[in-house]
Every structure is written in C-alpha cells, then in structure tokens.
C-alpha cells in the first residue's frame, strides 16, 4: 500500500535470510535510522534511557521494547555498543524498533549534551545509597542511566548523575540482568511521573 517493492521468494531463501528453520512468511527491509543527539528534546514528563556500552543484543532489544511499553521517549547509546539494527537486537524488540528513537554518542559528546539536560538524571550503581522506590520522579523530565552488563556505570558517567540509586535484593545474586533492572526502573519512574499508587496485593 505504501509503494514498497514486493518480492516472492522460496522458503529456502527465507531460511537463509532469517537464520531460522521455521521462518515467518513475511520479511521486511528498511533503512536504518538514528536520531541525532542534538535533536533529543526532553519536555516535562518525558523519560529517556541512556545505556553505557551495552554489549548484549538481546538486552538492548528488550530495553527498546520496554521503553516502548512504558511510553518513554527513546534510547541513547553511549560509547562502544552492540548494533541496535542487528538481527538479534531487532528480533528482541518485537517491532518496537520502529516506534522508539535511538541515538548514538561518544562518552564525551553525551556528557556535553547532559550538561544541557534540565531534568533529573538518575543512574543505578553499586555505590547507590538511595532506594529507587523513594525518589520523586514527578518533577520535570527524567534521564535514566544504566551501565554496562559486566562493569556498571564508569565513574565519569556516575559522577554526572543527580542521584545514584540501588535496587534492593534479598537473595544471593549480586546483580540483575541489565534489561530486567532497566524494566524495574522504568516502570517505577513512570508510576512516579504519573503519581500512581502501588498496585495493591489482591491477597
């Protein structure tokens, strides 16, 4: 309907393109599109996510999907990151790659941009002394900064945060998966921004 080229191919071709033995019957080809960092605007109530050196395509795709689900505005990739348009990443977004703007920046460029960000910049960090549930996210835009899967936020980025937060854990695991931790933070930020009460336990 939009005038794109349509090609009919065999299942063998689809298997080769999708790298799956049981491919879906439709494959789309689209131009990759990044948002320029200078064009990232944050208005009151907006939420952006900055990911430092994310390496796992599944994690990145899941974060993009979660950003879409909570109604956040987009993702900023900082430093040397995995390709947001790789097969694995796109598959993990479940289509949200078309709805969520993605920007890329060096650490230096990101820090320069962060200097002009007028809202709250919050990051999760091992040194975080503040419980993420105790922060007021209802004033102005929010930038959530999440660190690398293995190393967390480097000191340069941690120092640029207004708040360093922690997600309390009761078990023996020493950390959470990046996508899971980002999801927990995003839903709490969205709840705080909308001033919603915690969902009551039906039991």
Protein backbone atom coordinates (compact mmCIF):
# COMPACT_ATOMS: atom_id res chain seq x y z
CA UNK A 1 0.00 0.00 0.00
CA UNK A 2 2.94 2.34 0.65
CA UNK A 3 4.51 1.53 -2.70
CA UNK A 4 7.32 -0.68 -1.48
CA UNK A 5 8.84 -3.37 -3.68
CA UNK A 6 7.37 -6.84 -3.04
CA UNK A 7 9.35 -9.98 -3.90
CA UNK A 8 8.06 -13.53 -3.67
CA UNK A 9 10.76 -15.99 -2.68
CA UNK A 10 11.06 -19.62 -1.68
CA UNK A 11 11.14 -20.90 1.89
CA UNK A 12 14.82 -21.74 1.38
CA UNK A 13 15.58 -18.07 0.77
CA UNK A 14 13.61 -17.04 3.87
CA UNK A 15 15.53 -19.59 5.94
CA UNK A 16 18.82 -18.09 4.73
CA UNK A 17 17.72 -14.51 5.39
CA UNK A 18 16.18 -15.05 8.83
CA UNK A 19 18.62 -17.74 10.02
CA UNK A 20 15.69 -19.82 11.22
CA UNK A 21 14.47 -23.25 10.21
CA UNK A 22 10.83 -22.20 10.56
CA UNK A 23 10.76 -18.61 9.28
CA UNK A 24 7.70 -16.40 9.27
CA UNK A 25 6.26 -15.81 5.84
CA UNK A 26 6.96 -12.06 5.60
CA UNK A 27 10.31 -10.28 5.89
CA UNK A 28 10.70 -6.51 5.65
CA UNK A 29 13.74 -4.49 4.58
CA UNK A 30 14.00 -0.95 5.94
CA UNK A 31 16.62 1.81 6.09
CA UNK A 32 18.42 2.16 9.40
CA UNK A 33 17.67 5.46 11.13
CA UNK A 34 19.43 7.10 14.07
CA UNK A 35 18.26 10.20 15.90
CA UNK A 36 20.94 12.88 16.17
CA UNK A 37 21.85 13.56 19.79
CA UNK A 38 21.37 17.30 19.25
CA UNK A 39 17.76 16.59 18.32
CA UNK A 40 16.95 14.81 21.58
CA UNK A 41 14.50 17.05 23.40
CA UNK A 42 13.18 16.38 26.89
CA UNK A 43 9.94 18.05 27.96
CA UNK A 44 8.22 17.80 31.31
CA UNK A 45 7.11 14.21 31.92
CA UNK A 46 9.45 12.72 29.30
CA UNK A 47 11.70 9.76 30.11
CA UNK A 48 14.87 8.88 28.20
CA UNK A 49 17.22 5.95 28.78
CA UNK A 50 20.99 6.14 28.31
CA UNK A 51 22.83 2.82 28.03
CA UNK A 52 26.58 2.73 28.54
CA UNK A 53 28.46 0.24 26.34
CA UNK A 54 25.64 -2.31 26.22
CA UNK A 55 27.10 -5.44 24.62
CA UNK A 56 24.30 -8.00 24.50
CA UNK A 57 21.87 -7.59 21.57
CA UNK A 58 19.11 -9.41 23.44
CA UNK A 59 19.42 -6.98 26.35
CA UNK A 60 19.34 -3.96 24.04
CA UNK A 61 16.33 -5.25 22.13
CA UNK A 62 14.45 -5.97 25.34
CA UNK A 63 15.23 -2.49 26.70
CA UNK A 64 13.93 -0.89 23.49
CA UNK A 65 10.76 -2.98 23.76
CA UNK A 66 10.34 -1.97 27.42
CA UNK A 67 10.93 1.71 26.61
CA UNK A 68 8.10 1.41 24.10
CA UNK A 69 5.85 -0.38 26.61
CA UNK A 70 6.16 2.31 29.31
CA UNK A 71 5.82 5.20 26.88
CA UNK A 72 9.35 6.53 27.36
CA UNK A 73 10.73 8.70 24.57
CA UNK A 74 13.84 6.89 23.40
CA UNK A 75 17.26 5.36 23.97
CA UNK A 76 20.71 6.94 23.85
CA UNK A 77 23.60 4.53 23.27
CA UNK A 78 26.81 5.74 24.87
CA UNK A 79 30.25 4.54 23.85
CA UNK A 80 31.03 1.29 22.03
CA UNK A 81 27.71 -0.59 21.96
CA UNK A 82 26.17 -3.52 20.16
CA UNK A 83 24.39 -2.79 16.87
CA UNK A 84 20.75 -1.79 17.50
CA UNK A 85 19.91 -2.98 13.99
CA UNK A 86 21.47 -6.44 14.22
CA UNK A 87 19.16 -9.40 13.59
CA UNK A 88 19.26 -10.42 17.26
CA UNK A 89 18.51 -6.93 18.57
CA UNK A 90 15.68 -6.24 16.14
CA UNK A 91 14.10 -9.61 16.88
CA UNK A 92 14.20 -8.91 20.63
CA UNK A 93 12.42 -5.56 20.14
CA UNK A 94 9.36 -7.38 18.77
CA UNK A 95 8.65 -4.45 16.44
CA UNK A 96 9.39 -1.63 18.90
CA UNK A 97 12.47 -0.69 16.86
CA UNK A 98 10.01 1.18 14.61
CA UNK A 99 8.50 3.14 17.50
CA UNK A 100 11.50 4.06 19.67
CA UNK A 101 14.06 6.67 18.54
CA UNK A 102 17.67 5.59 19.06
CA UNK A 103 20.63 7.99 19.29
CA UNK A 104 24.35 7.21 19.49
CA UNK A 105 27.11 9.25 21.10
CA UNK A 106 30.64 9.05 22.38
CA UNK A 107 31.05 9.45 26.13
CA UNK A 108 32.42 12.95 25.62
CA UNK A 109 29.55 14.04 23.38
CA UNK A 110 27.00 12.55 25.75
CA UNK A 111 28.44 14.35 28.78
CA UNK A 112 28.39 17.63 26.87
CA UNK A 113 24.73 17.03 25.96
CA UNK A 114 23.90 16.01 29.53
CA UNK A 115 25.13 19.42 30.69
CA UNK A 116 22.10 20.95 28.99
CA UNK A 117 19.59 18.42 30.34
CA UNK A 118 17.26 20.25 32.72
CA UNK A 119 15.62 17.29 34.46
CA UNK A 120 16.63 14.57 36.89
CA UNK A 121 19.49 12.29 35.87
CA UNK A 122 19.34 9.03 37.81
CA UNK A 123 21.63 6.03 37.50
CA UNK A 124 21.81 2.64 39.14
CA UNK A 125 25.17 1.99 40.76
CA UNK A 126 26.76 -0.32 43.30
CA UNK A 127 27.56 2.76 45.37
CA UNK A 128 23.95 3.91 45.22
CA UNK A 129 22.68 4.61 48.73
CA UNK A 130 19.16 5.61 47.75
CA UNK A 131 16.38 3.05 47.30
CA UNK A 132 14.91 3.56 43.83
CA UNK A 133 11.37 3.47 45.29
CA UNK A 134 11.98 6.52 47.48
CA UNK A 135 12.70 9.03 44.71
CA UNK A 136 10.20 11.59 43.42
CA UNK A 137 10.17 11.26 39.64
CA UNK A 138 7.18 13.55 39.13
CA UNK A 139 9.05 16.79 38.53
CA UNK A 140 10.39 17.52 35.06
CA UNK A 141 11.92 15.09 32.58
CA UNK A 142 13.95 12.08 33.70
CA UNK A 143 17.09 10.58 32.19
CA UNK A 144 17.75 7.04 33.39
CA UNK A 145 21.37 5.99 33.03
CA UNK A 146 22.22 2.29 33.04
CA UNK A 147 25.70 0.81 32.97
CA UNK A 148 27.46 -1.96 31.12
CA UNK A 149 26.35 -5.54 31.95
CA UNK A 150 29.69 -6.53 33.47
CA UNK A 151 31.13 -3.29 34.83
CA UNK A 152 28.20 -1.00 35.57
CA UNK A 153 28.45 2.77 35.17
CA UNK A 154 32.00 4.12 34.94
CA UNK A 155 32.93 6.87 37.38
CA UNK A 156 32.76 9.57 34.70
CA UNK A 157 29.10 8.83 34.00
CA UNK A 158 28.21 8.08 37.61
CA UNK A 159 29.57 11.50 38.60
CA UNK A 160 27.19 13.15 36.13
CA UNK A 161 24.11 11.67 37.83
CA UNK A 162 21.98 13.70 40.21
CA UNK A 163 21.03 10.51 42.06
CA UNK A 164 22.75 7.13 42.29
CA UNK A 165 20.12 4.52 43.07
CA UNK A 166 20.05 0.90 44.11
CA UNK A 167 17.54 -1.89 43.62
CA UNK A 168 17.42 -3.87 46.89
CA UNK A 169 17.92 -7.63 46.54
CA UNK A 170 17.05 -10.28 49.07
CA UNK A 171 18.73 -13.33 47.54
CA UNK A 172 22.30 -14.36 46.93
CA UNK A 173 22.61 -12.94 43.40
CA UNK A 174 24.98 -9.98 43.32
CA UNK A 175 23.31 -8.24 40.37
CA UNK A 176 20.35 -8.17 37.99
CA UNK A 177 20.24 -8.62 34.24
CA UNK A 178 20.53 -5.22 32.53
CA UNK A 179 17.19 -5.46 30.75
CA UNK A 180 15.40 -6.60 33.92
CA UNK A 181 16.94 -3.81 36.02
CA UNK A 182 16.05 -1.23 33.37
CA UNK A 183 12.48 -2.51 33.25
CA UNK A 184 12.11 -2.25 37.02
CA UNK A 185 13.44 1.31 36.97
CA UNK A 186 11.31 2.43 34.03
CA UNK A 187 8.03 1.21 35.48
CA UNK A 188 8.85 2.87 38.81
CA UNK A 189 9.75 6.14 37.04
CA UNK A 190 6.54 6.01 35.03
CA UNK A 191 4.50 5.29 38.15
CA UNK A 192 6.16 8.22 39.92
CA UNK A 193 5.72 10.55 36.94
CA UNK A 194 2.01 9.75 36.80
CA UNK A 195 1.78 9.87 40.60
CA UNK A 196 0.19 6.43 40.72
CA UNK A 197 -0.17 4.44 43.89
CA UNK A 198 1.47 0.99 44.06
CA UNK A 199 -0.82 -1.81 42.90
CA UNK A 200 -2.42 -3.44 45.93
CA UNK A 201 -1.78 -7.12 46.53
CA UNK A 202 -5.09 -8.93 45.80
CA UNK A 203 -4.25 -11.43 48.52
